Amino acid sequence: MITFDIPEEYGYMEHGLVDALKMVIDPELNINIIDLGLVYSFALNQTEMSIRVEMTLSSKFCPMGESIVSAVKNCIERTYRDFKAEVELVWHPMWNYDFISPAGLSQLKGV
């Protein structure tokens, strides 16, 4: 479940952020990072005009980690040009397969 710390006047951004980040695909599993459950939260700082994303990777040793983080930053800054994206990688809670959405599980199963 993604949590949002976004002021009400920017509430429209909640769904837009999720939809935009569905374009970021984990290259090893070929599933987007939202359906994989890698994104934990979004926070918007109005003063600094920044969007902070708290997320994880499927493993601390993910060889594509830097690429995924860069893709998240680029995706947000392309979608919301007035905002700077900040990505914080966290390891708690530790990601596991229970975080994958039903849509993501269908993709894993090839359905």
N, C-alpha and C. Protein backbone atom coordinates (compact mmCIF):
# COMPACT_ATOMS: atom_id res chain seq x y z
N MET A 1 0.83 -1.18 0.00
CA MET A 1 0.00 0.00 0.00
C MET A 1 0.88 1.24 0.00
N ILE A 2 0.67 2.13 -0.92
CA ILE A 2 1.44 3.36 -1.03
C ILE A 2 0.79 4.42 -0.14
N THR A 3 1.61 5.14 0.62
CA THR A 3 1.10 6.25 1.41
C THR A 3 1.49 7.56 0.74
N PHE A 4 0.62 8.55 0.90
CA PHE A 4 0.83 9.85 0.28
C PHE A 4 0.88 10.94 1.33
N ASP A 5 1.90 11.79 1.27
CA ASP A 5 1.98 12.99 2.08
C ASP A 5 1.98 14.15 1.09
N ILE A 6 0.76 14.42 0.59
CA ILE A 6 0.59 15.43 -0.45
C ILE A 6 -0.52 16.38 -0.01
N PRO A 7 -0.23 17.69 0.04
CA PRO A 7 -1.27 18.66 0.43
C PRO A 7 -2.49 18.55 -0.48
N GLU A 8 -3.64 18.86 0.10
CA GLU A 8 -4.92 18.69 -0.59
C GLU A 8 -4.96 19.37 -1.97
N GLU A 9 -4.38 20.57 -2.08
CA GLU A 9 -4.44 21.27 -3.37
C GLU A 9 -3.65 20.55 -4.47
N TYR A 10 -2.78 19.63 -4.06
CA TYR A 10 -2.04 18.83 -5.03
C TYR A 10 -2.56 17.38 -5.07
N GLY A 11 -3.73 17.17 -4.52
CA GLY A 11 -4.30 15.82 -4.44
C GLY A 11 -4.43 15.14 -5.79
N TYR A 12 -4.63 15.92 -6.83
CA TYR A 12 -4.75 15.35 -8.17
C TYR A 12 -3.51 14.56 -8.58
N MET A 13 -2.39 14.84 -7.91
CA MET A 13 -1.13 14.20 -8.29
C MET A 13 -1.03 12.75 -7.84
N GLU A 14 -1.84 12.34 -6.86
CA GLU A 14 -1.71 10.99 -6.33
C GLU A 14 -1.84 9.94 -7.41
N HIS A 15 -2.93 9.98 -8.14
CA HIS A 15 -3.13 8.97 -9.19
C HIS A 15 -2.16 9.17 -10.34
N GLY A 16 -1.81 10.42 -10.63
CA GLY A 16 -0.87 10.70 -11.71
C GLY A 16 0.51 10.13 -11.43
N LEU A 17 0.95 10.24 -10.19
CA LEU A 17 2.25 9.68 -9.82
C LEU A 17 2.25 8.16 -9.97
N VAL A 18 1.21 7.53 -9.49
CA VAL A 18 1.11 6.07 -9.60
C VAL A 18 1.07 5.66 -11.07
N ASP A 19 0.24 6.33 -11.85
CA ASP A 19 0.15 5.99 -13.27
C ASP A 19 1.47 6.21 -13.99
N ALA A 20 2.14 7.31 -13.68
CA ALA A 20 3.42 7.60 -14.33
C ALA A 20 4.45 6.52 -13.99
N LEU A 21 4.51 6.12 -12.73
CA LEU A 21 5.52 5.14 -12.34
C LEU A 21 5.21 3.73 -12.79
N LYS A 22 4.02 3.51 -13.29
CA LYS A 22 3.72 2.21 -13.91
C LYS A 22 4.49 2.04 -15.22
N MET A 23 5.08 3.13 -15.69
CA MET A 23 5.90 3.07 -16.89
C MET A 23 7.33 2.62 -16.59
N VAL A 24 7.69 2.61 -15.31
CA VAL A 24 9.04 2.18 -14.92
C VAL A 24 8.99 0.67 -14.68
N ILE A 25 9.70 -0.05 -15.51
CA ILE A 25 9.66 -1.51 -15.49
C ILE A 25 10.93 -2.07 -14.84
N ASP A 26 10.75 -3.04 -13.96
CA ASP A 26 11.89 -3.77 -13.42
C ASP A 26 12.39 -4.66 -14.55
N PRO A 27 13.60 -4.44 -15.05
CA PRO A 27 14.07 -5.17 -16.23
C PRO A 27 14.27 -6.66 -16.02
N GLU A 28 14.45 -7.09 -14.78
CA GLU A 28 14.65 -8.51 -14.53
C GLU A 28 13.32 -9.28 -14.51
N LEU A 29 12.30 -8.67 -13.91
CA LEU A 29 11.00 -9.34 -13.81
C LEU A 29 10.02 -8.89 -14.88
N ASN A 30 10.36 -7.78 -15.58
CA ASN A 30 9.52 -7.24 -16.64
C ASN A 30 8.11 -6.87 -16.16
N ILE A 31 8.07 -6.32 -14.94
CA ILE A 31 6.82 -5.85 -14.33
C ILE A 31 7.10 -4.45 -13.79
N ASN A 32 6.08 -3.58 -13.84
CA ASN A 32 6.31 -2.21 -13.36
C ASN A 32 6.50 -2.19 -11.84
N ILE A 33 7.19 -1.14 -11.38
CA ILE A 33 7.57 -1.05 -9.98
C ILE A 33 6.38 -0.83 -9.04
N ILE A 34 5.28 -0.31 -9.57
CA ILE A 34 4.07 -0.14 -8.74
C ILE A 34 3.45 -1.51 -8.46
N ASP A 35 3.23 -2.29 -9.51
CA ASP A 35 2.62 -3.61 -9.32
C ASP A 35 3.55 -4.57 -8.58
N LEU A 36 4.85 -4.32 -8.62
CA LEU A 36 5.78 -5.12 -7.84
C LEU A 36 5.74 -4.75 -6.36
N GLY A 37 5.17 -3.59 -6.05
CA GLY A 37 5.12 -3.15 -4.65
C GLY A 37 6.42 -2.57 -4.17
N LEU A 38 7.23 -2.04 -5.08
CA LEU A 38 8.52 -1.47 -4.70
C LEU A 38 8.41 -0.04 -4.17
N VAL A 39 7.32 0.64 -4.49
CA VAL A 39 7.14 2.03 -4.06
C VAL A 39 6.31 2.04 -2.78
N TYR A 40 6.87 2.65 -1.72
CA TYR A 40 6.20 2.68 -0.42
C TYR A 40 5.46 3.99 -0.16
N SER A 41 6.03 5.14 -0.57
CA SER A 41 5.37 6.40 -0.27
C SER A 41 5.83 7.53 -1.18
N PHE A 42 4.98 8.57 -1.21
CA PHE A 42 5.28 9.82 -1.91
C PHE A 42 5.10 10.96 -0.91
N ALA A 43 5.97 11.95 -0.96
CA ALA A 43 5.81 13.16 -0.15
C ALA A 43 6.14 14.36 -1.02
N LEU A 44 5.29 15.37 -0.94
CA LEU A 44 5.49 16.57 -1.74
C LEU A 44 5.90 17.72 -0.82
N ASN A 45 6.98 18.40 -1.17
CA ASN A 45 7.45 19.56 -0.44
C ASN A 45 7.14 20.79 -1.29
N GLN A 46 6.14 21.57 -0.86
CA GLN A 46 5.72 22.74 -1.65
C GLN A 46 6.79 23.81 -1.69
N THR A 47 7.51 24.01 -0.60
CA THR A 47 8.53 25.05 -0.53
C THR A 47 9.64 24.79 -1.53
N GLU A 48 10.10 23.55 -1.56
CA GLU A 48 11.21 23.18 -2.45
C GLU A 48 10.74 22.68 -3.81
N MET A 49 9.42 22.57 -3.97
CA MET A 49 8.84 22.04 -5.22
C MET A 49 9.50 20.70 -5.57
N SER A 50 9.45 19.80 -4.59
CA SER A 50 10.06 18.49 -4.81
C SER A 50 9.08 17.38 -4.43
N ILE A 51 9.27 16.26 -5.06
CA ILE A 51 8.49 15.06 -4.77
C ILE A 51 9.49 14.00 -4.32
N ARG A 52 9.30 13.50 -3.11
CA ARG A 52 10.18 12.49 -2.55
C ARG A 52 9.48 11.14 -2.64
N VAL A 53 10.18 10.17 -3.19
CA VAL A 53 9.66 8.82 -3.31
C VAL A 53 10.48 7.93 -2.39
N GLU A 54 9.78 7.18 -1.57
CA GLU A 54 10.44 6.18 -0.73
C GLU A 54 10.12 4.83 -1.35
N MET A 55 11.17 4.11 -1.70
CA MET A 55 10.96 2.83 -2.37
C MET A 55 12.07 1.85 -2.00
N THR A 56 11.91 0.65 -2.47
CA THR A 56 12.92 -0.37 -2.24
C THR A 56 13.21 -1.07 -3.56
N LEU A 57 14.07 -2.03 -3.52
CA LEU A 57 14.34 -2.89 -4.66
C LEU A 57 14.07 -4.32 -4.23
N SER A 58 13.97 -5.22 -5.17
CA SER A 58 13.69 -6.60 -4.81
C SER A 58 14.85 -7.23 -4.04
N SER A 59 16.02 -6.62 -4.14
CA SER A 59 17.20 -7.12 -3.44
C SER A 59 18.18 -5.96 -3.26
N LYS A 60 18.93 -5.97 -2.16
CA LYS A 60 19.96 -4.96 -1.95
C LYS A 60 21.04 -5.07 -3.03
N PHE A 61 21.14 -6.22 -3.63
CA PHE A 61 22.19 -6.47 -4.62
C PHE A 61 21.66 -6.41 -6.05
N CYS A 62 20.50 -5.78 -6.24
CA CYS A 62 19.88 -5.67 -7.56
C CYS A 62 20.86 -4.99 -8.52
N PRO A 63 21.27 -5.67 -9.58
CA PRO A 63 22.24 -5.08 -10.50
C PRO A 63 21.67 -3.91 -11.31
N MET A 64 20.36 -3.78 -11.35
CA MET A 64 19.72 -2.70 -12.11
C MET A 64 19.21 -1.57 -11.20
N GLY A 65 19.62 -1.59 -9.93
CA GLY A 65 19.12 -0.60 -8.97
C GLY A 65 19.31 0.84 -9.39
N GLU A 66 20.52 1.20 -9.82
CA GLU A 66 20.77 2.58 -10.23
C GLU A 66 19.91 2.97 -11.43
N SER A 67 19.74 2.05 -12.33
CA SER A 67 18.93 2.30 -13.52
C SER A 67 17.47 2.53 -13.14
N ILE A 68 16.95 1.74 -12.21
CA ILE A 68 15.57 1.89 -11.78
C ILE A 68 15.38 3.23 -11.06
N VAL A 69 16.29 3.58 -10.19
CA VAL A 69 16.20 4.86 -9.46
C VAL A 69 16.24 6.03 -10.45
N SER A 70 17.13 5.98 -11.41
CA SER A 70 17.20 7.04 -12.44
C SER A 70 15.91 7.12 -13.24
N ALA A 71 15.34 5.98 -13.56
CA ALA A 71 14.09 5.96 -14.33
C ALA A 71 12.95 6.57 -13.52
N VAL A 72 12.92 6.33 -12.21
CA VAL A 72 11.89 6.92 -11.35
C VAL A 72 12.04 8.45 -11.35
N LYS A 73 13.25 8.93 -11.14
CA LYS A 73 13.48 10.39 -11.14
C LYS A 73 13.07 11.00 -12.47
N ASN A 74 13.52 10.41 -13.56
CA ASN A 74 13.20 10.95 -14.89
C ASN A 74 11.71 10.93 -15.16
N CYS A 75 11.05 9.88 -14.77
CA CYS A 75 9.62 9.75 -15.01
C CYS A 75 8.84 10.84 -14.28
N ILE A 76 9.17 11.07 -13.02
CA ILE A 76 8.47 12.09 -12.24
C ILE A 76 8.75 13.48 -12.79
N GLU A 77 10.01 13.77 -13.10
CA GLU A 77 10.36 15.11 -13.59
C GLU A 77 9.81 15.38 -14.98
N ARG A 78 9.61 14.34 -15.79
CA ARG A 78 8.95 14.52 -17.09
C ARG A 78 7.46 14.77 -16.92
N THR A 79 6.85 14.09 -15.95
CA THR A 79 5.41 14.21 -15.73
C THR A 79 5.06 15.52 -15.04
N TYR A 80 5.87 15.91 -14.06
CA TYR A 80 5.64 17.14 -13.29
C TYR A 80 6.88 18.02 -13.42
N ARG A 81 6.93 18.77 -14.51
CA ARG A 81 8.12 19.54 -14.89
C ARG A 81 8.53 20.60 -13.87
N ASP A 82 7.60 21.07 -13.06
CA ASP A 82 7.93 22.10 -12.07
C ASP A 82 8.53 21.52 -10.78
N PHE A 83 8.59 20.20 -10.70
CA PHE A 83 9.06 19.54 -9.48
C PHE A 83 10.36 18.79 -9.70
N LYS A 84 11.15 18.75 -8.65
CA LYS A 84 12.38 17.97 -8.63
C LYS A 84 12.06 16.65 -7.93
N ALA A 85 12.56 15.56 -8.45
CA ALA A 85 12.31 14.25 -7.85
C ALA A 85 13.49 13.83 -6.98
N GLU A 86 13.16 13.27 -5.83
CA GLU A 86 14.15 12.71 -4.93
C GLU A 86 13.72 11.29 -4.62
N VAL A 87 14.64 10.35 -4.72
CA VAL A 87 14.32 8.95 -4.45
C VAL A 87 15.18 8.47 -3.30
N GLU A 88 14.50 7.93 -2.29
CA GLU A 88 15.21 7.34 -1.16
C GLU A 88 14.97 5.84 -1.17
N LEU A 89 16.06 5.08 -1.26
CA LEU A 89 15.96 3.63 -1.16
C LEU A 89 15.94 3.25 0.31
N VAL A 90 14.97 2.43 0.67
CA VAL A 90 14.86 1.95 2.05
C VAL A 90 14.81 0.43 2.03
N TRP A 91 15.15 -0.16 3.13
CA TRP A 91 15.19 -1.63 3.21
C TRP A 91 14.28 -2.18 4.29
N HIS A 92 13.44 -1.29 4.83
CA HIS A 92 12.46 -1.75 5.81
C HIS A 92 11.13 -1.10 5.49
N PRO A 93 10.08 -1.82 5.30
CA PRO A 93 10.06 -3.28 5.37
C PRO A 93 10.79 -3.89 4.17
N MET A 94 11.38 -5.03 4.43
CA MET A 94 12.08 -5.76 3.38
C MET A 94 11.05 -6.26 2.37
N TRP A 95 11.31 -5.99 1.09
CA TRP A 95 10.38 -6.40 0.04
C TRP A 95 10.30 -7.94 -0.02
N ASN A 96 9.08 -8.43 -0.32
CA ASN A 96 8.89 -9.85 -0.58
C ASN A 96 7.72 -10.01 -1.55
N TYR A 97 7.50 -11.22 -1.99
CA TYR A 97 6.48 -11.46 -3.02
C TYR A 97 5.06 -11.10 -2.57
N ASP A 98 4.83 -10.99 -1.27
CA ASP A 98 3.51 -10.60 -0.79
C ASP A 98 3.16 -9.17 -1.17
N PHE A 99 4.15 -8.37 -1.53
CA PHE A 99 3.93 -6.97 -1.90
C PHE A 99 3.41 -6.82 -3.34
N ILE A 100 3.49 -7.86 -4.13
CA ILE A 100 3.09 -7.79 -5.54
C ILE A 100 1.57 -7.72 -5.64
N SER A 101 1.08 -6.81 -6.46
CA SER A 101 -0.37 -6.64 -6.65
C SER A 101 -0.93 -7.83 -7.43
N PRO A 102 -2.25 -8.00 -7.41
CA PRO A 102 -2.86 -9.06 -8.23
C PRO A 102 -2.51 -8.92 -9.72
N ALA A 103 -2.44 -7.68 -10.21
CA ALA A 103 -2.06 -7.47 -11.62
C ALA A 103 -0.63 -7.93 -11.86
N GLY A 104 0.26 -7.64 -10.92
CA GLY A 104 1.64 -8.07 -11.03
C GLY A 104 1.78 -9.57 -10.98
N LEU A 105 1.01 -10.22 -10.10
CA LEU A 105 1.04 -11.68 -10.03
C LEU A 105 0.57 -12.31 -11.32
N SER A 106 -0.45 -11.71 -11.93
CA SER A 106 -0.92 -12.22 -13.24
C SER A 106 0.17 -12.13 -14.29
N GLN A 107 0.92 -11.03 -14.27
CA GLN A 107 2.00 -10.87 -15.22
C GLN A 107 3.10 -11.89 -14.97
N LEU A 108 3.40 -12.16 -13.71
CA LEU A 108 4.43 -13.16 -13.38
C LEU A 108 4.03 -14.54 -13.87
N LYS A 109 2.76 -14.83 -13.76
CA LYS A 109 2.25 -16.14 -14.16
C LYS A 109 2.04 -16.22 -15.67
N GLY A 110 2.16 -15.07 -16.34
CA GLY A 110 1.97 -15.06 -17.79
C GLY A 110 0.51 -15.14 -18.21
N VAL A 111 -0.41 -14.75 -17.32
CA VAL A 111 -1.83 -14.81 -17.62
C VAL A 111 -2.24 -13.58 -18.38
